[in-house]
C-alpha atoms as a PDB file:
ATOM      1  CA  UNK A   1     -40.726 -17.416 -14.462  1.00  0.00           C
ATOM      2  CA  UNK A   2     -40.566 -18.363 -17.893  1.00  0.00           C
ATOM      3  CA  UNK A   3     -43.705 -20.561 -18.778  1.00  0.00           C
ATOM      4  CA  UNK A   4     -41.334 -23.707 -19.478  1.00  0.00           C
ATOM      5  CA  UNK A   5     -39.424 -23.561 -15.915  1.00  0.00           C
ATOM      6  CA  UNK A   6     -42.939 -23.295 -13.874  1.00  0.00           C
ATOM      7  CA  UNK A   7     -44.215 -25.858 -15.642  1.00  0.00           C
ATOM      8  CA  UNK A   8     -40.711 -27.736 -14.264  1.00  0.00           C
ATOM      9  CA  UNK A   9     -40.813 -26.942 -10.585  1.00  0.00           C
ATOM     10  CA  UNK A  10     -44.536 -28.022 -10.924  1.00  0.00           C
ATOM     11  CA  UNK A  11     -43.447 -31.860 -12.691  1.00  0.00           C
ATOM     12  CA  UNK A  12     -40.648 -31.830  -9.587  1.00  0.00           C
ATOM     13  CA  UNK A  13     -43.315 -31.078  -7.230  1.00  0.00           C
ATOM     14  CA  UNK A  14     -45.609 -33.777  -8.218  1.00  0.00           C
ATOM     15  CA  UNK A  15     -42.979 -35.955  -8.257  1.00  0.00           C
ATOM     16  CA  UNK A  16     -41.759 -35.033  -4.659  1.00  0.00           C
ATOM     17  CA  UNK A  17     -44.244 -35.606  -3.389  1.00  0.00           C
ATOM     18  CA  UNK A  18     -44.637 -38.913  -5.496  1.00  0.00           C
ATOM     19  CA  UNK A  19     -41.706 -39.984  -4.057  1.00  0.00           C
ATOM     20  CA  UNK A  20     -42.758 -38.774   0.094  1.00  0.00           C
ATOM     21  CA  UNK A  21     -46.294 -39.933  -0.216  1.00  0.00           C
ATOM     22  CA  UNK A  22     -45.128 -43.071  -0.741  1.00  0.00           C
ATOM     23  CA  UNK A  23     -42.340 -43.275   1.832  1.00  0.00           C
ATOM     24  CA  UNK A  24     -45.000 -42.992   4.280  1.00  0.00           C
ATOM     25  CA  UNK A  25     -47.347 -44.908   3.220  1.00  0.00           C
ATOM     26  CA  UNK A  26     -44.161 -48.030   3.355  1.00  0.00           C
ATOM     27  CA  UNK A  27     -43.591 -46.199   6.885  1.00  0.00           C
ATOM     28  CA  UNK A  28     -47.100 -46.673   7.743  1.00  0.00           C
ATOM     29  CA  UNK A  29     -47.302 -50.219   6.472  1.00  0.00           C
ATOM     30  CA  UNK A  30     -44.266 -50.649   8.168  1.00  0.00           C
ATOM     31  CA  UNK A  31     -45.774 -49.759  11.538  1.00  0.00           C
ATOM     32  CA  UNK A  32     -49.132 -51.352  11.503  1.00  0.00           C
ATOM     33  CA  UNK A  33     -47.077 -54.462  10.682  1.00  0.00           C
ATOM     34  CA  UNK A  34     -44.747 -53.769  13.654  1.00  0.00           C
ATOM     35  CA  UNK A  35     -46.251 -51.171  16.121  1.00  0.00           C
ATOM     36  CA  UNK A  36     -43.088 -49.857  17.297  1.00  0.00           C
ATOM     37  CA  UNK A  37     -43.239 -45.985  18.338  1.00  0.00           C
ATOM     38  CA  UNK A  38     -40.022 -45.796  16.615  1.00  0.00           C
ATOM     39  CA  UNK A  39     -41.667 -46.632  13.385  1.00  0.00           C
ATOM     40  CA  UNK A  40     -44.700 -44.807  14.384  1.00  0.00           C
ATOM     41  CA  UNK A  41     -42.524 -41.408  14.737  1.00  0.00           C
ATOM     42  CA  UNK A  42     -41.439 -41.515  11.471  1.00  0.00           C
ATOM     43  CA  UNK A  43     -44.194 -42.490   9.771  1.00  0.00           C
ATOM     44  CA  UNK A  44     -45.394 -39.212  11.260  1.00  0.00           C
ATOM     45  CA  UNK A  45     -42.031 -37.295  10.554  1.00  0.00           C
ATOM     46  CA  UNK A  46     -42.130 -38.478   6.812  1.00  0.00           C
ATOM     47  CA  UNK A  47     -46.126 -36.996   6.656  1.00  0.00           C
ATOM     48  CA  UNK A  48     -44.755 -33.411   7.896  1.00  0.00           C
ATOM     49  CA  UNK A  49     -41.902 -33.540   5.262  1.00  0.00           C
ATOM     50  CA  UNK A  50     -44.058 -34.104   2.399  1.00  0.00           C
ATOM     51  CA  UNK A  51     -47.177 -32.598   4.330  1.00  0.00           C
ATOM     52  CA  UNK A  52     -44.298 -29.157   3.840  1.00  0.00           C
ATOM     53  CA  UNK A  53     -43.476 -29.654  -0.020  1.00  0.00           C
ATOM     54  CA  UNK A  54     -47.394 -30.009  -0.530  1.00  0.00           C
ATOM     55  CA  UNK A  55     -48.336 -26.759   1.975  1.00  0.00           C
ATOM     56  CA  UNK A  56     -45.196 -25.127   0.033  1.00  0.00           C
ATOM     57  CA  UNK A  57     -46.888 -25.776  -3.713  1.00  0.00           C
ATOM     58  CA  UNK A  58     -50.089 -24.834  -2.759  1.00  0.00           C
ATOM     59  CA  UNK A  59     -50.108 -21.588  -0.982  1.00  0.00           C
ATOM     60  CA  UNK A  60     -47.635 -20.654  -3.669  1.00  0.00           C
ATOM     61  CA  UNK A  61     -49.873 -21.243  -6.304  1.00  0.00           C
ATOM     62  CA  UNK A  62     -53.595 -20.217  -4.906  1.00  0.00           C
ATOM     63  CA  UNK A  63     -52.816 -17.656  -2.199  1.00  0.00           C
ATOM     64  CA  UNK A  64     -51.626 -14.195  -2.658  1.00  0.00           C
ATOM     65  CA  UNK A  65     -48.672 -15.299   0.370  1.00  0.00           C
ATOM     66  CA  UNK A  66     -45.305 -13.342  -0.341  1.00  0.00           C
ATOM     67  CA  UNK A  67     -42.415 -16.013  -1.193  1.00  0.00           C
ATOM     68  CA  UNK A  68     -41.099 -15.800   1.992  1.00  0.00           C
ATOM     69  CA  UNK A  69     -44.128 -16.589   3.968  1.00  0.00           C
ATOM     70  CA  UNK A  70     -44.155 -19.181   1.642  1.00  0.00           C
ATOM     71  CA  UNK A  71     -41.014 -20.943   2.938  1.00  0.00           C
ATOM     72  CA  UNK A  72     -41.413 -20.334   6.294  1.00  0.00           C
ATOM     73  CA  UNK A  73     -44.683 -21.849   6.457  1.00  0.00           C
ATOM     74  CA  UNK A  74     -42.937 -25.091   4.896  1.00  0.00           C
ATOM     75  CA  UNK A  75     -40.039 -24.792   7.195  1.00  0.00           C
ATOM     76  CA  UNK A  76     -41.872 -25.381  10.169  1.00  0.00           C
ATOM     77  CA  UNK A  77     -43.984 -28.588   8.368  1.00  0.00           C
ATOM     78  CA  UNK A  78     -40.166 -29.532   7.491  1.00  0.00           C
ATOM     79  CA  UNK A  79     -38.947 -28.848  11.208  1.00  0.00           C
ATOM     80  CA  UNK A  80     -41.414 -30.269  12.907  1.00  0.00           C
ATOM     81  CA  UNK A  81     -40.979 -33.874  10.560  1.00  0.00           C
ATOM     82  CA  UNK A  82     -37.425 -33.514  10.880  1.00  0.00           C
ATOM     83  CA  UNK A  83     -38.044 -33.701  14.392  1.00  0.00           C
ATOM     84  CA  UNK A  84     -40.127 -36.818  14.422  1.00  0.00           C
ATOM     85  CA  UNK A  85     -37.095 -38.639  12.708  1.00  0.00           C
ATOM     86  CA  UNK A  86     -34.783 -37.628  14.782  1.00  0.00           C
ATOM     87  CA  UNK A  87     -36.506 -38.955  17.960  1.00  0.00           C
ATOM     88  CA  UNK A  88     -37.321 -42.108  15.765  1.00  0.00           C
ATOM     89  CA  UNK A  89     -33.825 -42.484  15.593  1.00  0.00           C
ATOM     90  CA  UNK A  90     -32.921 -41.974  19.139  1.00  0.00           C
ATOM     91  CA  UNK A  91     -35.158 -44.392  20.522  1.00  0.00           C
END
């Protein structure tokens, strides 16, 4: 990757992390107000999706893992988070 593309990737990942944290925080605030199971599950789901983004960036930049291994780790967090979101929608 060239230097400009690496900076673009970091910038997009930071933006994605900020939007994910904001979404999780708003969902948490709604859960604290209403105390319902579906809002709790939605908050956890948004949190795990955001964690997946954070984990991927961290693992790729600071460990010796291959890109495939990093994507597997991210995908596990995303599957778990989206599963919790799906559960929140079905309740």
